[in-house]
Amino acid sequence: MKWTDSQEIGLALAEKFPGLDPLTLRFTDLRERILALDGFDDAPTASNEPKLEAIQMAWYEEFQEANR
């Protein structure tokens, strides 16, 4: 996975951290969780706010689906 794979990363985060509302995380914490994912293989320095926001929103969509 790369930083641009927001949907895939969002799903992976939702599976790894069920019940955690991603909107409660700071971007620094979100970034660390992404870097720790199995299968994530991109340069840590390639992240930026728009990429992290896209990932957070993809994860939030999964979070909402799981909590309906």
N, C-alpha and C. Protein backbone atom coordinates (compact mmCIF):
# COMPACT_ATOMS: atom_id res chain seq x y z
N MET A 1 0.84 -1.18 0.00
CA MET A 1 0.00 0.00 0.00
C MET A 1 0.88 1.24 0.00
N LYS A 2 0.38 2.25 -0.69
CA LYS A 2 1.05 3.55 -0.76
C LYS A 2 0.13 4.60 -0.15
N TRP A 3 0.66 5.79 0.09
CA TRP A 3 -0.12 6.87 0.68
C TRP A 3 -1.37 7.18 -0.13
N THR A 4 -1.32 6.95 -1.42
CA THR A 4 -2.46 7.28 -2.28
C THR A 4 -3.55 6.22 -2.27
N ASP A 5 -3.33 5.10 -1.62
CA ASP A 5 -4.31 4.01 -1.53
C ASP A 5 -5.24 4.23 -0.34
N SER A 6 -5.93 5.35 -0.34
CA SER A 6 -6.70 5.75 0.84
C SER A 6 -7.79 4.75 1.20
N GLN A 7 -8.50 4.21 0.22
CA GLN A 7 -9.58 3.27 0.52
C GLN A 7 -9.02 1.99 1.14
N GLU A 8 -7.97 1.47 0.55
CA GLU A 8 -7.36 0.24 1.06
C GLU A 8 -6.79 0.44 2.46
N ILE A 9 -6.14 1.56 2.67
CA ILE A 9 -5.59 1.85 3.99
C ILE A 9 -6.71 2.05 5.01
N GLY A 10 -7.76 2.77 4.60
CA GLY A 10 -8.90 2.98 5.49
C GLY A 10 -9.53 1.67 5.94
N LEU A 11 -9.67 0.74 5.02
CA LEU A 11 -10.22 -0.57 5.35
C LEU A 11 -9.29 -1.33 6.30
N ALA A 12 -8.00 -1.29 6.02
CA ALA A 12 -7.02 -1.98 6.87
C ALA A 12 -7.04 -1.41 8.29
N LEU A 13 -7.14 -0.10 8.40
CA LEU A 13 -7.18 0.52 9.72
C LEU A 13 -8.46 0.16 10.46
N ALA A 14 -9.58 0.13 9.75
CA ALA A 14 -10.86 -0.24 10.35
C ALA A 14 -10.83 -1.67 10.88
N GLU A 15 -10.16 -2.54 10.15
CA GLU A 15 -10.05 -3.94 10.59
C GLU A 15 -9.10 -4.08 11.77
N LYS A 16 -8.03 -3.31 11.75
CA LYS A 16 -7.03 -3.42 12.82
C LYS A 16 -7.47 -2.73 14.11
N PHE A 17 -8.25 -1.66 13.98
CA PHE A 17 -8.68 -0.88 15.15
C PHE A 17 -10.20 -0.74 15.17
N PRO A 18 -10.92 -1.86 15.29
CA PRO A 18 -12.39 -1.76 15.29
C PRO A 18 -12.89 -0.97 16.49
N GLY A 19 -13.88 -0.17 16.26
CA GLY A 19 -14.45 0.60 17.35
C GLY A 19 -13.77 1.93 17.62
N LEU A 20 -12.63 2.17 16.99
CA LEU A 20 -11.93 3.44 17.19
C LEU A 20 -12.42 4.45 16.17
N ASP A 21 -12.96 5.55 16.65
CA ASP A 21 -13.43 6.62 15.76
C ASP A 21 -12.20 7.36 15.22
N PRO A 22 -11.95 7.28 13.92
CA PRO A 22 -10.75 7.91 13.37
C PRO A 22 -10.75 9.43 13.48
N LEU A 23 -11.91 10.03 13.68
CA LEU A 23 -11.96 11.48 13.80
C LEU A 23 -11.42 11.96 15.15
N THR A 24 -11.17 11.03 16.07
CA THR A 24 -10.62 11.40 17.37
C THR A 24 -9.10 11.42 17.37
N LEU A 25 -8.48 10.99 16.26
CA LEU A 25 -7.02 10.91 16.18
C LEU A 25 -6.42 12.18 15.58
N ARG A 26 -5.28 12.56 16.12
CA ARG A 26 -4.49 13.63 15.49
C ARG A 26 -3.81 13.02 14.27
N PHE A 27 -3.47 13.84 13.30
CA PHE A 27 -2.81 13.33 12.09
C PHE A 27 -1.48 12.66 12.41
N THR A 28 -0.80 13.13 13.45
CA THR A 28 0.47 12.49 13.81
C THR A 28 0.23 11.05 14.27
N ASP A 29 -0.83 10.83 15.03
CA ASP A 29 -1.17 9.48 15.48
C ASP A 29 -1.66 8.62 14.32
N LEU A 30 -2.45 9.20 13.46
CA LEU A 30 -2.94 8.49 12.28
C LEU A 30 -1.76 8.04 11.41
N ARG A 31 -0.82 8.93 11.20
CA ARG A 31 0.36 8.62 10.39
C ARG A 31 1.13 7.44 10.97
N GLU A 32 1.32 7.43 12.27
CA GLU A 32 2.04 6.33 12.92
C GLU A 32 1.31 5.00 12.76
N ARG A 33 0.00 5.02 12.87
CA ARG A 33 -0.78 3.79 12.70
C ARG A 33 -0.68 3.28 11.27
N ILE A 34 -0.67 4.18 10.31
CA ILE A 34 -0.54 3.79 8.91
C ILE A 34 0.83 3.17 8.66
N LEU A 35 1.87 3.81 9.16
CA LEU A 35 3.23 3.30 8.96
C LEU A 35 3.41 1.91 9.56
N ALA A 36 2.64 1.59 10.60
CA ALA A 36 2.75 0.29 11.27
C ALA A 36 1.91 -0.81 10.61
N LEU A 37 1.11 -0.46 9.61
CA LEU A 37 0.27 -1.48 8.97
C LEU A 37 1.09 -2.49 8.20
N ASP A 38 0.69 -3.75 8.29
CA ASP A 38 1.29 -4.78 7.45
C ASP A 38 0.92 -4.46 6.01
N GLY A 39 1.88 -4.51 5.14
CA GLY A 39 1.62 -4.26 3.73
C GLY A 39 1.79 -2.81 3.31
N PHE A 40 2.01 -1.91 4.27
CA PHE A 40 2.26 -0.52 3.90
C PHE A 40 3.72 -0.39 3.52
N ASP A 41 3.95 0.11 2.32
CA ASP A 41 5.31 0.18 1.79
C ASP A 41 5.50 1.46 0.99
N ASP A 42 5.62 2.56 1.69
CA ASP A 42 5.85 3.84 1.04
C ASP A 42 6.75 4.67 1.94
N ALA A 43 7.34 5.68 1.37
CA ALA A 43 8.25 6.53 2.14
C ALA A 43 7.48 7.31 3.20
N PRO A 44 7.92 7.25 4.44
CA PRO A 44 7.25 8.01 5.51
C PRO A 44 7.17 9.50 5.20
N THR A 45 8.15 10.01 4.50
CA THR A 45 8.18 11.44 4.19
C THR A 45 7.21 11.84 3.08
N ALA A 46 6.60 10.87 2.42
CA ALA A 46 5.68 11.17 1.31
C ALA A 46 4.27 11.51 1.79
N SER A 47 4.03 11.42 3.09
CA SER A 47 2.70 11.76 3.59
C SER A 47 2.53 13.28 3.64
N ASN A 48 1.28 13.70 3.53
CA ASN A 48 0.97 15.11 3.70
C ASN A 48 -0.47 15.22 4.19
N GLU A 49 -0.90 16.42 4.51
CA GLU A 49 -2.22 16.60 5.11
C GLU A 49 -3.36 16.12 4.20
N PRO A 50 -3.36 16.45 2.90
CA PRO A 50 -4.45 15.96 2.06
C PRO A 50 -4.51 14.43 1.97
N LYS A 51 -3.38 13.77 1.92
CA LYS A 51 -3.36 12.30 1.88
C LYS A 51 -3.88 11.72 3.19
N LEU A 52 -3.45 12.27 4.30
CA LEU A 52 -3.91 11.79 5.60
C LEU A 52 -5.41 12.04 5.78
N GLU A 53 -5.88 13.17 5.30
CA GLU A 53 -7.31 13.47 5.40
C GLU A 53 -8.13 12.48 4.57
N ALA A 54 -7.66 12.15 3.38
CA ALA A 54 -8.36 11.18 2.52
C ALA A 54 -8.41 9.82 3.19
N ILE A 55 -7.32 9.42 3.81
CA ILE A 55 -7.28 8.14 4.52
C ILE A 55 -8.22 8.17 5.72
N GLN A 56 -8.19 9.26 6.47
CA GLN A 56 -9.06 9.39 7.64
C GLN A 56 -10.53 9.30 7.24
N MET A 57 -10.90 9.93 6.13
CA MET A 57 -12.29 9.90 5.68
C MET A 57 -12.68 8.50 5.19
N ALA A 58 -11.77 7.81 4.53
CA ALA A 58 -12.04 6.43 4.09
C ALA A 58 -12.24 5.54 5.30
N TRP A 59 -11.41 5.70 6.30
CA TRP A 59 -11.54 4.92 7.54
C TRP A 59 -12.85 5.27 8.23
N TYR A 60 -13.21 6.56 8.25
CA TYR A 60 -14.44 6.98 8.90
C TYR A 60 -15.67 6.37 8.23
N GLU A 61 -15.64 6.27 6.91
CA GLU A 61 -16.74 5.62 6.19
C GLU A 61 -16.89 4.17 6.65
N GLU A 62 -15.77 3.46 6.79
CA GLU A 62 -15.80 2.07 7.27
C GLU A 62 -16.29 2.02 8.71
N PHE A 63 -15.86 2.96 9.53
CA PHE A 63 -16.28 3.04 10.93
C PHE A 63 -17.79 3.22 11.02
N GLN A 64 -18.33 4.11 10.20
CA GLN A 64 -19.77 4.37 10.20
C GLN A 64 -20.54 3.13 9.77
N GLU A 65 -20.08 2.44 8.75
CA GLU A 65 -20.73 1.22 8.28
C GLU A 65 -20.77 0.16 9.38
N ALA A 66 -19.68 0.02 10.08
CA ALA A 66 -19.58 -0.99 11.13
C ALA A 66 -20.46 -0.68 12.34
N ASN A 67 -20.80 0.59 12.52
CA ASN A 67 -21.56 1.00 13.70
C ASN A 67 -23.01 1.37 13.39
N ARG A 68 -23.52 0.88 12.30
CA ARG A 68 -24.94 1.11 11.96
C ARG A 68 -25.79 0.05 12.56
